[in-house]
């Protein structure tokens, strides 16, 4: 009988794939982590299935070699995230740096979710005058993971900033464009969450090139193709309520930015909705105006009728003595 040759078992782990390649071409993405740099994370790595005692020498360093699946498991099952990624000298192999996530409330973690490559390097933080910078940077990955490009978080702190269509996507907190000069106090709650900072917020100028993020009639933020302006100070105290408001703003922006045409489509839909609301408001205004005119006319008629009745009564009272005299004369035959 002829025996069929069994297919060779393909290596499953990153370490096996790298050794199987024997210095040759690596056909799938691998990620290497310096074993010495993550010593204080060994317990978390072991819990995620990484055999910390099995290292490989790579570019003169002892490393752990991970596939995309293995790296994703680490990110999903531990409080670690990617702080930096750089290409190695070999194609399809990248260096990865891991760091601990900031302490984030569970409710906020659920809003953020887990992304394929949680890369802290893709979220830059510029000027930041507020509390809990690391947590707000963590939440920013809601938008970064959807855009798949660099996002910059800045807090101009009650200062306007000109919109820039180029460069990284920018999030401005407590800011608006220079033509927004009107201010008003934000509501006590936004989407049910307490607003901690009671300082006045920006009211943007009406324009067609942006999409407004609303809570009822209040304009929470204004979205452009390459920037987001949040109108009140949402990073004032670093409370769970502020985290959730910030996360909800970003979540509501994602559908508008998923494709190049998505923003324009949502923009048109939003403008159409505004036009319909204006038509409804105008119709109601006309209706109220007609109702008002009818009520005023009725009021004028009623007042005129009362005045006429009063005048008749006054005339009758004034003529009463004369009428009585005439009646007496008639009786007496005079």
C-alpha atoms as a PDB file:
ATOM      1  CA  UNK A   1       0.000   0.000   0.000  1.00  0.00           C
ATOM      2  CA  UNK A   2       1.099   3.530  -0.721  1.00  0.00           C
ATOM      3  CA  UNK A   3       1.307   5.949   2.163  1.00  0.00           C
ATOM      4  CA  UNK A   4       0.240   9.523   1.610  1.00  0.00           C
ATOM      5  CA  UNK A   5       2.750  12.057   2.782  1.00  0.00           C
ATOM      6  CA  UNK A   6       1.391  14.126   5.651  1.00  0.00           C
ATOM      7  CA  UNK A   7       1.415  17.879   5.152  1.00  0.00           C
ATOM      8  CA  UNK A   8       4.050  19.588   7.296  1.00  0.00           C
ATOM      9  CA  UNK A   9       2.678  21.250  10.414  1.00  0.00           C
ATOM     10  CA  UNK A  10       3.027  25.005  10.038  1.00  0.00           C
ATOM     11  CA  UNK A  11       4.437  26.876  13.042  1.00  0.00           C
ATOM     12  CA  UNK A  12       1.712  28.536  15.145  1.00  0.00           C
ATOM     13  CA  UNK A  13       3.560  30.975  17.419  1.00  0.00           C
ATOM     14  CA  UNK A  14       5.640  33.998  16.523  1.00  0.00           C
ATOM     15  CA  UNK A  15       8.729  32.335  18.001  1.00  0.00           C
ATOM     16  CA  UNK A  16       8.193  29.222  15.846  1.00  0.00           C
ATOM     17  CA  UNK A  17       7.574  31.287  12.694  1.00  0.00           C
ATOM     18  CA  UNK A  18      10.761  33.290  13.167  1.00  0.00           C
ATOM     19  CA  UNK A  19      12.848  30.160  13.791  1.00  0.00           C
ATOM     20  CA  UNK A  20      11.210  28.386  10.850  1.00  0.00           C
ATOM     21  CA  UNK A  21      12.192  31.281   8.573  1.00  0.00           C
ATOM     22  CA  UNK A  22      15.886  30.731   9.525  1.00  0.00           C
ATOM     23  CA  UNK A  23      16.912  34.227   8.541  1.00  0.00           C
ATOM     24  CA  UNK A  24      14.901  34.113   5.339  1.00  0.00           C
ATOM     25  CA  UNK A  25      11.670  35.848   4.337  1.00  0.00           C
ATOM     26  CA  UNK A  26       8.911  36.187   6.919  1.00  0.00           C
ATOM     27  CA  UNK A  27       5.572  35.959   5.148  1.00  0.00           C
ATOM     28  CA  UNK A  28       3.288  37.280   7.901  1.00  0.00           C
ATOM     29  CA  UNK A  29       3.543  40.220  10.298  1.00  0.00           C
ATOM     30  CA  UNK A  30       5.520  39.574  13.474  1.00  0.00           C
ATOM     31  CA  UNK A  31       6.095  41.813  16.476  1.00  0.00           C
ATOM     32  CA  UNK A  32       9.128  41.664  18.745  1.00  0.00           C
ATOM     33  CA  UNK A  33       9.205  42.905  22.324  1.00  0.00           C
ATOM     34  CA  UNK A  34      12.443  43.437  24.239  1.00  0.00           C
ATOM     35  CA  UNK A  35      12.257  40.903  27.089  1.00  0.00           C
ATOM     36  CA  UNK A  36      14.320  43.069  29.441  1.00  0.00           C
ATOM     37  CA  UNK A  37      12.081  46.110  28.902  1.00  0.00           C
ATOM     38  CA  UNK A  38       8.920  44.280  29.993  1.00  0.00           C
ATOM     39  CA  UNK A  39      10.269  42.397  33.039  1.00  0.00           C
ATOM     40  CA  UNK A  40       7.793  44.165  35.349  1.00  0.00           C
ATOM     41  CA  UNK A  41       4.926  42.995  33.073  1.00  0.00           C
ATOM     42  CA  UNK A  42       5.882  39.271  33.160  1.00  0.00           C
ATOM     43  CA  UNK A  43       2.907  38.264  35.285  1.00  0.00           C
ATOM     44  CA  UNK A  44       0.459  39.923  32.871  1.00  0.00           C
ATOM     45  CA  UNK A  45       2.238  38.429  29.862  1.00  0.00           C
ATOM     46  CA  UNK A  46       2.158  34.932  31.380  1.00  0.00           C
ATOM     47  CA  UNK A  47      -1.558  35.308  32.067  1.00  0.00           C
ATOM     48  CA  UNK A  48      -2.007  36.162  28.377  1.00  0.00           C
ATOM     49  CA  UNK A  49      -0.232  32.944  27.335  1.00  0.00           C
ATOM     50  CA  UNK A  50       3.254  34.307  26.626  1.00  0.00           C
ATOM     51  CA  UNK A  51       6.003  31.859  27.609  1.00  0.00           C
ATOM     52  CA  UNK A  52       8.294  34.403  29.225  1.00  0.00           C
ATOM     53  CA  UNK A  53      11.055  31.823  29.685  1.00  0.00           C
ATOM     54  CA  UNK A  54      11.274  31.291  25.907  1.00  0.00           C
ATOM     55  CA  UNK A  55      13.073  34.193  24.295  1.00  0.00           C
ATOM     56  CA  UNK A  56      14.746  34.495  20.902  1.00  0.00           C
ATOM     57  CA  UNK A  57      17.773  36.555  19.974  1.00  0.00           C
ATOM     58  CA  UNK A  58      16.865  39.226  17.435  1.00  0.00           C
ATOM     59  CA  UNK A  59      19.032  42.149  16.405  1.00  0.00           C
ATOM     60  CA  UNK A  60      21.315  41.438  19.412  1.00  0.00           C
ATOM     61  CA  UNK A  61      18.448  41.503  21.914  1.00  0.00           C
ATOM     62  CA  UNK A  62      16.528  38.814  23.794  1.00  0.00           C
ATOM     63  CA  UNK A  63      12.943  39.235  22.617  1.00  0.00           C
ATOM     64  CA  UNK A  64       9.484  37.742  22.687  1.00  0.00           C
ATOM     65  CA  UNK A  65       8.161  37.188  19.175  1.00  0.00           C
ATOM     66  CA  UNK A  66       4.408  37.588  18.694  1.00  0.00           C
ATOM     67  CA  UNK A  67       1.949  37.104  15.855  1.00  0.00           C
ATOM     68  CA  UNK A  68      -0.918  39.580  15.354  1.00  0.00           C
ATOM     69  CA  UNK A  69      -3.212  37.153  17.185  1.00  0.00           C
ATOM     70  CA  UNK A  70      -0.841  36.801  20.140  1.00  0.00           C
ATOM     71  CA  UNK A  71      -0.377  40.566  20.396  1.00  0.00           C
ATOM     72  CA  UNK A  72      -4.130  41.127  20.206  1.00  0.00           C
ATOM     73  CA  UNK A  73      -4.670  38.626  23.024  1.00  0.00           C
ATOM     74  CA  UNK A  74      -2.225  40.549  25.205  1.00  0.00           C
ATOM     75  CA  UNK A  75      -4.019  43.828  24.515  1.00  0.00           C
ATOM     76  CA  UNK A  76      -7.437  42.323  25.208  1.00  0.00           C
ATOM     77  CA  UNK A  77      -6.596  40.367  28.357  1.00  0.00           C
ATOM     78  CA  UNK A  78      -4.188  42.723  30.135  1.00  0.00           C
ATOM     79  CA  UNK A  79      -3.961  46.384  31.086  1.00  0.00           C
ATOM     80  CA  UNK A  80      -1.124  46.884  28.607  1.00  0.00           C
ATOM     81  CA  UNK A  81      -1.112  48.973  25.455  1.00  0.00           C
ATOM     82  CA  UNK A  82       1.351  49.744  22.687  1.00  0.00           C
ATOM     83  CA  UNK A  83       3.275  52.917  23.423  1.00  0.00           C
ATOM     84  CA  UNK A  84       5.506  52.814  20.359  1.00  0.00           C
ATOM     85  CA  UNK A  85       6.115  50.830  17.152  1.00  0.00           C
ATOM     86  CA  UNK A  86       9.123  50.920  14.824  1.00  0.00           C
ATOM     87  CA  UNK A  87      10.103  48.780  11.827  1.00  0.00           C
ATOM     88  CA  UNK A  88      13.026  46.399  12.255  1.00  0.00           C
ATOM     89  CA  UNK A  89      15.750  45.728   9.708  1.00  0.00           C
ATOM     90  CA  UNK A  90      13.728  42.759   8.393  1.00  0.00           C
ATOM     91  CA  UNK A  91      10.562  43.032   6.364  1.00  0.00           C
ATOM     92  CA  UNK A  92       7.281  42.182   8.136  1.00  0.00           C
ATOM     93  CA  UNK A  93       8.864  42.411  11.595  1.00  0.00           C
ATOM     94  CA  UNK A  94       8.203  45.405  13.853  1.00  0.00           C
ATOM     95  CA  UNK A  95       9.550  46.416  17.232  1.00  0.00           C
ATOM     96  CA  UNK A  96       6.838  47.019  19.833  1.00  0.00           C
ATOM     97  CA  UNK A  97       7.029  48.838  23.162  1.00  0.00           C
ATOM     98  CA  UNK A  98       4.373  48.058  25.780  1.00  0.00           C
ATOM     99  CA  UNK A  99       3.215  50.152  28.719  1.00  0.00           C
ATOM    100  CA  UNK A 100       0.478  50.031  31.348  1.00  0.00           C
ATOM    101  CA  UNK A 101      -2.844  51.663  30.604  1.00  0.00           C
ATOM    102  CA  UNK A 102      -3.967  54.515  32.883  1.00  0.00           C
ATOM    103  CA  UNK A 103      -6.584  53.688  35.502  1.00  0.00           C
ATOM    104  CA  UNK A 104      -9.875  54.040  33.667  1.00  0.00           C
ATOM    105  CA  UNK A 105     -13.394  53.411  35.034  1.00  0.00           C
ATOM    106  CA  UNK A 106     -14.915  50.194  33.735  1.00  0.00           C
ATOM    107  CA  UNK A 107     -17.867  52.055  32.187  1.00  0.00           C
ATOM    108  CA  UNK A 108     -15.444  54.184  30.162  1.00  0.00           C
ATOM    109  CA  UNK A 109     -13.387  51.163  29.060  1.00  0.00           C
ATOM    110  CA  UNK A 110     -16.567  49.618  27.704  1.00  0.00           C
ATOM    111  CA  UNK A 111     -17.284  52.790  25.709  1.00  0.00           C
ATOM    112  CA  UNK A 112     -13.777  52.801  24.240  1.00  0.00           C
ATOM    113  CA  UNK A 113     -13.647  49.068  23.508  1.00  0.00           C
ATOM    114  CA  UNK A 114     -10.528  47.328  22.261  1.00  0.00           C
ATOM    115  CA  UNK A 115      -8.844  48.191  18.975  1.00  0.00           C
ATOM    116  CA  UNK A 116      -6.648  46.014  16.753  1.00  0.00           C
ATOM    117  CA  UNK A 117      -3.535  48.093  17.365  1.00  0.00           C
ATOM    118  CA  UNK A 118      -3.922  50.187  20.466  1.00  0.00           C
ATOM    119  CA  UNK A 119      -0.975  52.424  19.721  1.00  0.00           C
ATOM    120  CA  UNK A 120      -0.409  55.305  22.135  1.00  0.00           C
ATOM    121  CA  UNK A 121       2.125  56.715  19.683  1.00  0.00           C
ATOM    122  CA  UNK A 122      -0.714  57.532  17.256  1.00  0.00           C
ATOM    123  CA  UNK A 123      -2.320  59.899  19.778  1.00  0.00           C
ATOM    124  CA  UNK A 124      -0.283  63.035  20.376  1.00  0.00           C
ATOM    125  CA  UNK A 125      -1.144  65.420  23.207  1.00  0.00           C
ATOM    126  CA  UNK A 126      -0.330  69.093  22.688  1.00  0.00           C
ATOM    127  CA  UNK A 127      -1.106  71.858  25.152  1.00  0.00           C
ATOM    128  CA  UNK A 128      -3.270  70.330  27.872  1.00  0.00           C
ATOM    129  CA  UNK A 129      -4.657  72.450  30.693  1.00  0.00           C
ATOM    130  CA  UNK A 130      -6.882  70.043  32.566  1.00  0.00           C
ATOM    131  CA  UNK A 131      -6.920  66.854  34.625  1.00  0.00           C
ATOM    132  CA  UNK A 132      -6.307  63.164  33.762  1.00  0.00           C
ATOM    133  CA  UNK A 133      -4.418  63.749  30.516  1.00  0.00           C
ATOM    134  CA  UNK A 134      -3.537  60.052  30.083  1.00  0.00           C
ATOM    135  CA  UNK A 135      -7.167  58.961  30.428  1.00  0.00           C
ATOM    136  CA  UNK A 136      -8.384  61.474  27.853  1.00  0.00           C
ATOM    137  CA  UNK A 137      -5.567  60.363  25.519  1.00  0.00           C
ATOM    138  CA  UNK A 138      -6.724  56.757  26.048  1.00  0.00           C
ATOM    139  CA  UNK A 139     -10.330  57.684  25.170  1.00  0.00           C
ATOM    140  CA  UNK A 140      -9.112  59.480  22.033  1.00  0.00           C
ATOM    141  CA  UNK A 141      -8.394  56.035  20.530  1.00  0.00           C
ATOM    142  CA  UNK A 142     -12.120  55.788  19.768  1.00  0.00           C
ATOM    143  CA  UNK A 143     -11.472  58.238  16.959  1.00  0.00           C
ATOM    144  CA  UNK A 144      -7.896  57.200  16.149  1.00  0.00           C
ATOM    145  CA  UNK A 145      -8.832  53.563  15.599  1.00  0.00           C
ATOM    146  CA  UNK A 146     -11.597  54.618  13.191  1.00  0.00           C
ATOM    147  CA  UNK A 147      -9.426  57.099  11.268  1.00  0.00           C
ATOM    148  CA  UNK A 148      -6.347  54.812  11.200  1.00  0.00           C
ATOM    149  CA  UNK A 149      -4.072  57.846  11.380  1.00  0.00           C
ATOM    150  CA  UNK A 150      -2.511  60.236  13.860  1.00  0.00           C
ATOM    151  CA  UNK A 151      -4.796  62.266  16.133  1.00  0.00           C
ATOM    152  CA  UNK A 152      -3.672  65.267  18.173  1.00  0.00           C
ATOM    153  CA  UNK A 153      -5.499  66.268  21.370  1.00  0.00           C
ATOM    154  CA  UNK A 154      -5.202  69.892  22.483  1.00  0.00           C
ATOM    155  CA  UNK A 155      -6.851  72.074  25.124  1.00  0.00           C
ATOM    156  CA  UNK A 156      -6.605  75.744  24.076  1.00  0.00           C
ATOM    157  CA  UNK A 157      -8.627  76.499  27.251  1.00  0.00           C
ATOM    158  CA  UNK A 158     -11.192  79.099  26.157  1.00  0.00           C
ATOM    159  CA  UNK A 159      -9.303  80.241  23.081  1.00  0.00           C
ATOM    160  CA  UNK A 160     -10.286  80.018  19.419  1.00  0.00           C
ATOM    161  CA  UNK A 161      -8.147  78.175  16.863  1.00  0.00           C
ATOM    162  CA  UNK A 162      -8.237  78.465  13.083  1.00  0.00           C
ATOM    163  CA  UNK A 163      -9.302  75.278  11.276  1.00  0.00           C
ATOM    164  CA  UNK A 164      -6.468  73.509   9.423  1.00  0.00           C
ATOM    165  CA  UNK A 165      -7.502  70.998   6.721  1.00  0.00           C
ATOM    166  CA  UNK A 166      -4.030  69.388   6.543  1.00  0.00           C
ATOM    167  CA  UNK A 167      -1.874  67.455   9.032  1.00  0.00           C
ATOM    168  CA  UNK A 168      -3.123  65.137  11.805  1.00  0.00           C
ATOM    169  CA  UNK A 169      -6.763  65.105  12.850  1.00  0.00           C
ATOM    170  CA  UNK A 170      -7.041  67.579  15.722  1.00  0.00           C
ATOM    171  CA  UNK A 171      -9.371  67.643  18.721  1.00  0.00           C
ATOM    172  CA  UNK A 172      -9.713  71.041  20.406  1.00  0.00           C
ATOM    173  CA  UNK A 173     -11.298  71.153  23.879  1.00  0.00           C
ATOM    174  CA  UNK A 174     -13.051  74.320  25.103  1.00  0.00           C
ATOM    175  CA  UNK A 175     -12.497  76.007  21.779  1.00  0.00           C
ATOM    176  CA  UNK A 176     -14.065  76.995  18.472  1.00  0.00           C
ATOM    177  CA  UNK A 177     -13.100  78.756  15.236  1.00  0.00           C
ATOM    178  CA  UNK A 178     -12.224  82.488  15.427  1.00  0.00           C
ATOM    179  CA  UNK A 179     -15.620  83.568  14.029  1.00  0.00           C
ATOM    180  CA  UNK A 180     -17.423  82.054  17.044  1.00  0.00           C
ATOM    181  CA  UNK A 181     -17.577  84.988  19.451  1.00  0.00           C
ATOM    182  CA  UNK A 182     -20.844  84.249  21.251  1.00  0.00           C
ATOM    183  CA  UNK A 183     -20.717  82.406  24.580  1.00  0.00           C
ATOM    184  CA  UNK A 184     -23.371  80.744  26.743  1.00  0.00           C
ATOM    185  CA  UNK A 185     -23.458  78.506  29.802  1.00  0.00           C
ATOM    186  CA  UNK A 186     -23.614  74.781  29.015  1.00  0.00           C
ATOM    187  CA  UNK A 187     -26.564  72.756  30.334  1.00  0.00           C
ATOM    188  CA  UNK A 188     -26.347  71.065  33.735  1.00  0.00           C
ATOM    189  CA  UNK A 189     -26.215  67.670  32.012  1.00  0.00           C
ATOM    190  CA  UNK A 190     -25.134  66.425  28.591  1.00  0.00           C
ATOM    191  CA  UNK A 191     -26.607  63.059  27.529  1.00  0.00           C
ATOM    192  CA  UNK A 192     -27.531  62.524  31.157  1.00  0.00           C
ATOM    193  CA  UNK A 193     -24.007  63.100  32.531  1.00  0.00           C
ATOM    194  CA  UNK A 194     -23.275  65.962  34.946  1.00  0.00           C
ATOM    195  CA  UNK A 195     -21.289  68.858  33.439  1.00  0.00           C
ATOM    196  CA  UNK A 196     -18.604  69.611  36.062  1.00  0.00           C
ATOM    197  CA  UNK A 197     -17.293  72.895  34.651  1.00  0.00           C
ATOM    198  CA  UNK A 198     -19.919  75.661  34.710  1.00  0.00           C
ATOM    199  CA  UNK A 199     -17.819  78.206  32.800  1.00  0.00           C
ATOM    200  CA  UNK A 200     -19.350  79.621  29.623  1.00  0.00           C
ATOM    201  CA  UNK A 201     -19.051  77.628  26.404  1.00  0.00           C
ATOM    202  CA  UNK A 202     -18.722  78.600  22.758  1.00  0.00           C
ATOM    203  CA  UNK A 203     -21.705  78.956  20.439  1.00  0.00           C
ATOM    204  CA  UNK A 204     -20.516  78.281  16.865  1.00  0.00           C
ATOM    205  CA  UNK A 205     -21.577  80.350  13.910  1.00  0.00           C
ATOM    206  CA  UNK A 206     -24.041  78.602  11.589  1.00  0.00           C
ATOM    207  CA  UNK A 207     -22.247  77.228   8.520  1.00  0.00           C
ATOM    208  CA  UNK A 208     -22.625  74.507   5.941  1.00  0.00           C
ATOM    209  CA  UNK A 209     -19.080  73.084   5.999  1.00  0.00           C
ATOM    210  CA  UNK A 210     -19.379  71.430   9.418  1.00  0.00           C
ATOM    211  CA  UNK A 211     -21.601  68.959  11.264  1.00  0.00           C
ATOM    212  CA  UNK A 212     -22.976  69.827  14.694  1.00  0.00           C
ATOM    213  CA  UNK A 213     -22.949  67.227  17.479  1.00  0.00           C
ATOM    214  CA  UNK A 214     -26.114  67.911  19.436  1.00  0.00           C
ATOM    215  CA  UNK A 215     -27.769  67.066  22.724  1.00  0.00           C
ATOM    216  CA  UNK A 216     -31.250  68.363  22.078  1.00  0.00           C
ATOM    217  CA  UNK A 217     -30.801  71.969  20.952  1.00  0.00           C
ATOM    218  CA  UNK A 218     -27.418  72.402  22.657  1.00  0.00           C
ATOM    219  CA  UNK A 219     -24.425  72.248  20.290  1.00  0.00           C
ATOM    220  CA  UNK A 220     -21.932  70.110  22.223  1.00  0.00           C
ATOM    221  CA  UNK A 221     -19.280  70.095  19.502  1.00  0.00           C
ATOM    222  CA  UNK A 222     -18.630  70.956  15.873  1.00  0.00           C
ATOM    223  CA  UNK A 223     -17.031  68.472  13.484  1.00  0.00           C
ATOM    224  CA  UNK A 224     -14.991  69.336  10.406  1.00  0.00           C
ATOM    225  CA  UNK A 225     -13.343  66.815   8.038  1.00  0.00           C
ATOM    226  CA  UNK A 226     -10.025  67.238   9.864  1.00  0.00           C
ATOM    227  CA  UNK A 227     -10.896  68.667  13.286  1.00  0.00           C
ATOM    228  CA  UNK A 228     -13.318  68.486  16.176  1.00  0.00           C
ATOM    229  CA  UNK A 229     -14.117  71.492  18.381  1.00  0.00           C
ATOM    230  CA  UNK A 230     -15.638  70.713  21.799  1.00  0.00           C
ATOM    231  CA  UNK A 231     -17.280  73.878  23.097  1.00  0.00           C
ATOM    232  CA  UNK A 232     -17.103  73.517  26.885  1.00  0.00           C
ATOM    233  CA  UNK A 233     -14.311  72.552  29.295  1.00  0.00           C
ATOM    234  CA  UNK A 234     -14.788  68.773  29.403  1.00  0.00           C
ATOM    235  CA  UNK A 235     -11.345  68.096  30.959  1.00  0.00           C
ATOM    236  CA  UNK A 236     -11.829  70.352  33.993  1.00  0.00           C
ATOM    237  CA  UNK A 237     -11.754  67.805  36.828  1.00  0.00           C
ATOM    238  CA  UNK A 238     -11.121  64.423  35.249  1.00  0.00           C
ATOM    239  CA  UNK A 239     -14.340  62.872  36.558  1.00  0.00           C
ATOM    240  CA  UNK A 240     -16.102  59.801  35.209  1.00  0.00           C
ATOM    241  CA  UNK A 241     -18.865  62.061  33.892  1.00  0.00           C
ATOM    242  CA  UNK A 242     -16.357  64.100  31.882  1.00  0.00           C
ATOM    243  CA  UNK A 243     -14.739  60.917  30.541  1.00  0.00           C
ATOM    244  CA  UNK A 244     -18.126  59.622  29.396  1.00  0.00           C
ATOM    245  CA  UNK A 245     -19.177  62.899  27.760  1.00  0.00           C
ATOM    246  CA  UNK A 246     -15.844  63.033  25.895  1.00  0.00           C
ATOM    247  CA  UNK A 247     -16.165  59.388  24.808  1.00  0.00           C
ATOM    248  CA  UNK A 248     -19.750  59.909  23.640  1.00  0.00           C
ATOM    249  CA  UNK A 249     -18.745  62.939  21.555  1.00  0.00           C
ATOM    250  CA  UNK A 250     -16.055  60.880  19.798  1.00  0.00           C
ATOM    251  CA  UNK A 251     -18.399  57.929  19.267  1.00  0.00           C
ATOM    252  CA  UNK A 252     -20.926  60.213  17.597  1.00  0.00           C
ATOM    253  CA  UNK A 253     -18.212  61.566  15.280  1.00  0.00           C
ATOM    254  CA  UNK A 254     -17.070  58.148  13.998  1.00  0.00           C
ATOM    255  CA  UNK A 255     -19.926  57.503  11.492  1.00  0.00           C
ATOM    256  CA  UNK A 256     -19.227  60.875   9.843  1.00  0.00           C
ATOM    257  CA  UNK A 257     -15.547  60.044   9.243  1.00  0.00           C
ATOM    258  CA  UNK A 258     -15.496  56.362   8.224  1.00  0.00           C
ATOM    259  CA  UNK A 259     -15.159  57.067   4.480  1.00  0.00           C
ATOM    260  CA  UNK A 260     -14.235  60.153   2.420  1.00  0.00           C
ATOM    261  CA  UNK A 261     -17.886  60.479   1.332  1.00  0.00           C
ATOM    262  CA  UNK A 262     -19.380  59.789   4.758  1.00  0.00           C
ATOM    263  CA  UNK A 263     -18.796  63.307   6.086  1.00  0.00           C
ATOM    264  CA  UNK A 264     -20.401  64.927   3.057  1.00  0.00           C
ATOM    265  CA  UNK A 265     -23.383  62.532   3.173  1.00  0.00           C
ATOM    266  CA  UNK A 266     -24.007  63.133   6.875  1.00  0.00           C
ATOM    267  CA  UNK A 267     -23.468  66.849   6.345  1.00  0.00           C
ATOM    268  CA  UNK A 268     -26.181  66.917   3.662  1.00  0.00           C
ATOM    269  CA  UNK A 269     -28.504  64.858   5.867  1.00  0.00           C
ATOM    270  CA  UNK A 270     -27.883  67.189   8.797  1.00  0.00           C
ATOM    271  CA  UNK A 271     -28.514  70.296   6.678  1.00  0.00           C
ATOM    272  CA  UNK A 272     -31.724  68.739   5.338  1.00  0.00           C
ATOM    273  CA  UNK A 273     -32.849  68.023   8.891  1.00  0.00           C
ATOM    274  CA  UNK A 274     -32.085  71.624   9.873  1.00  0.00           C
ATOM    275  CA  UNK A 275     -34.047  72.945   6.880  1.00  0.00           C
ATOM    276  CA  UNK A 276     -37.021  70.749   7.785  1.00  0.00           C
ATOM    277  CA  UNK A 277     -36.842  71.989  11.374  1.00  0.00           C
ATOM    278  CA  UNK A 278     -36.731  75.591  10.143  1.00  0.00           C
ATOM    279  CA  UNK A 279     -39.752  74.993   7.872  1.00  0.00           C
ATOM    280  CA  UNK A 280     -41.666  73.445  10.757  1.00  0.00           C
ATOM    281  CA  UNK A 281     -40.691  76.307  13.052  1.00  0.00           C
ATOM    282  CA  UNK A 282     -41.728  78.888  10.393  1.00  0.00           C
ATOM    283  CA  UNK A 283     -45.067  77.150   9.803  1.00  0.00           C
ATOM    284  CA  UNK A 284     -45.677  77.098  13.541  1.00  0.00           C
ATOM    285  CA  UNK A 285     -44.681  80.761  13.768  1.00  0.00           C
ATOM    286  CA  UNK A 286     -47.152  81.667  11.002  1.00  0.00           C
ATOM    287  CA  UNK A 287     -49.809  79.548  12.709  1.00  0.00           C
ATOM    288  CA  UNK A 288     -49.185  81.271  16.003  1.00  0.00           C
ATOM    289  CA  UNK A 289     -49.158  84.644  14.251  1.00  0.00           C
ATOM    290  CA  UNK A 290     -52.591  83.967  12.683  1.00  0.00           C
ATOM    291  CA  UNK A 291     -53.899  82.665  15.995  1.00  0.00           C
ATOM    292  CA  UNK A 292     -52.548  85.772  17.671  1.00  0.00           C
ATOM    293  CA  UNK A 293     -54.171  88.111  15.152  1.00  0.00           C
ATOM    294  CA  UNK A 294     -57.541  86.341  15.540  1.00  0.00           C
ATOM    295  CA  UNK A 295     -57.289  86.536  19.319  1.00  0.00           C
ATOM    296  CA  UNK A 296     -56.353  90.229  19.131  1.00  0.00           C
ATOM    297  CA  UNK A 297     -59.280  90.928  16.775  1.00  0.00           C
ATOM    298  CA  UNK A 298     -61.660  89.098  19.074  1.00  0.00           C
ATOM    299  CA  UNK A 299     -60.298  91.012  22.022  1.00  0.00           C
ATOM    300  CA  UNK A 300     -60.725  94.325  20.196  1.00  0.00           C
ATOM    301  CA  UNK A 301     -64.326  93.440  19.241  1.00  0.00           C
ATOM    302  CA  UNK A 302     -65.165  92.382  22.791  1.00  0.00           C
ATOM    303  CA  UNK A 303     -63.704  95.596  24.182  1.00  0.00           C
ATOM    304  CA  UNK A 304     -65.655  97.648  21.616  1.00  0.00           C
ATOM    305  CA  UNK A 305     -68.884  95.839  22.489  1.00  0.00           C
ATOM    306  CA  UNK A 306     -68.315  96.401  26.212  1.00  0.00           C
ATOM    307  CA  UNK A 307     -67.527 100.065  25.579  1.00  0.00           C
ATOM    308  CA  UNK A 308     -70.667 100.492  23.462  1.00  0.00           C
ATOM    309  CA  UNK A 309     -72.773  98.832  26.159  1.00  0.00           C
ATOM    310  CA  UNK A 310     -71.215 101.109  28.764  1.00  0.00           C
ATOM    311  CA  UNK A 311     -71.881 104.200  26.669  1.00  0.00           C
ATOM    312  CA  UNK A 312     -75.498 103.159  26.138  1.00  0.00           C
ATOM    313  CA  UNK A 313     -75.877 102.716  29.883  1.00  0.00           C
ATOM    314  CA  UNK A 314     -74.291 106.133  30.531  1.00  0.00           C
ATOM    315  CA  UNK A 315     -76.550 107.753  27.931  1.00  0.00           C
ATOM    316  CA  UNK A 316     -79.616 106.096  29.449  1.00  0.00           C
ATOM    317  CA  UNK A 317     -78.638 107.237  32.966  1.00  0.00           C
ATOM    318  CA  UNK A 318     -78.022 110.783  31.701  1.00  0.00           C
ATOM    319  CA  UNK A 319     -81.405 110.927  29.919  1.00  0.00           C
ATOM    320  CA  UNK A 320     -83.356 109.323  32.774  1.00  0.00           C
ATOM    321  CA  UNK A 321     -84.442 112.675  34.454  1.00  0.00           C
ATOM    322  CA  UNK A 322     -85.641 114.104  31.118  1.00  0.00           C
ATOM    323  CA  UNK A 323     -87.633 110.986  30.348  1.00  0.00           C
ATOM    324  CA  UNK A 324     -89.257 111.076  33.791  1.00  0.00           C
ATOM    325  CA  UNK A 325     -90.221 114.759  33.296  1.00  0.00           C
ATOM    326  CA  UNK A 326     -91.773 114.014  29.916  1.00  0.00           C
ATOM    327  CA  UNK A 327     -93.726 111.120  31.431  1.00  0.00           C
ATOM    328  CA  UNK A 328     -95.091 113.360  34.252  1.00  0.00           C
ATOM    329  CA  UNK A 329     -96.128 116.047  31.778  1.00  0.00           C
ATOM    330  CA  UNK A 330     -97.973 113.468  29.690  1.00  0.00           C
ATOM    331  CA  UNK A 331     -99.816 112.243  32.777  1.00  0.00           C
ATOM    332  CA  UNK A 332    -100.782 115.758  33.814  1.00  0.00           C
ATOM    333  CA  UNK A 333    -101.794 116.651  30.296  1.00  0.00           C
ATOM    334  CA  UNK A 334     -99.473 119.580  30.169  1.00  0.00           C
END
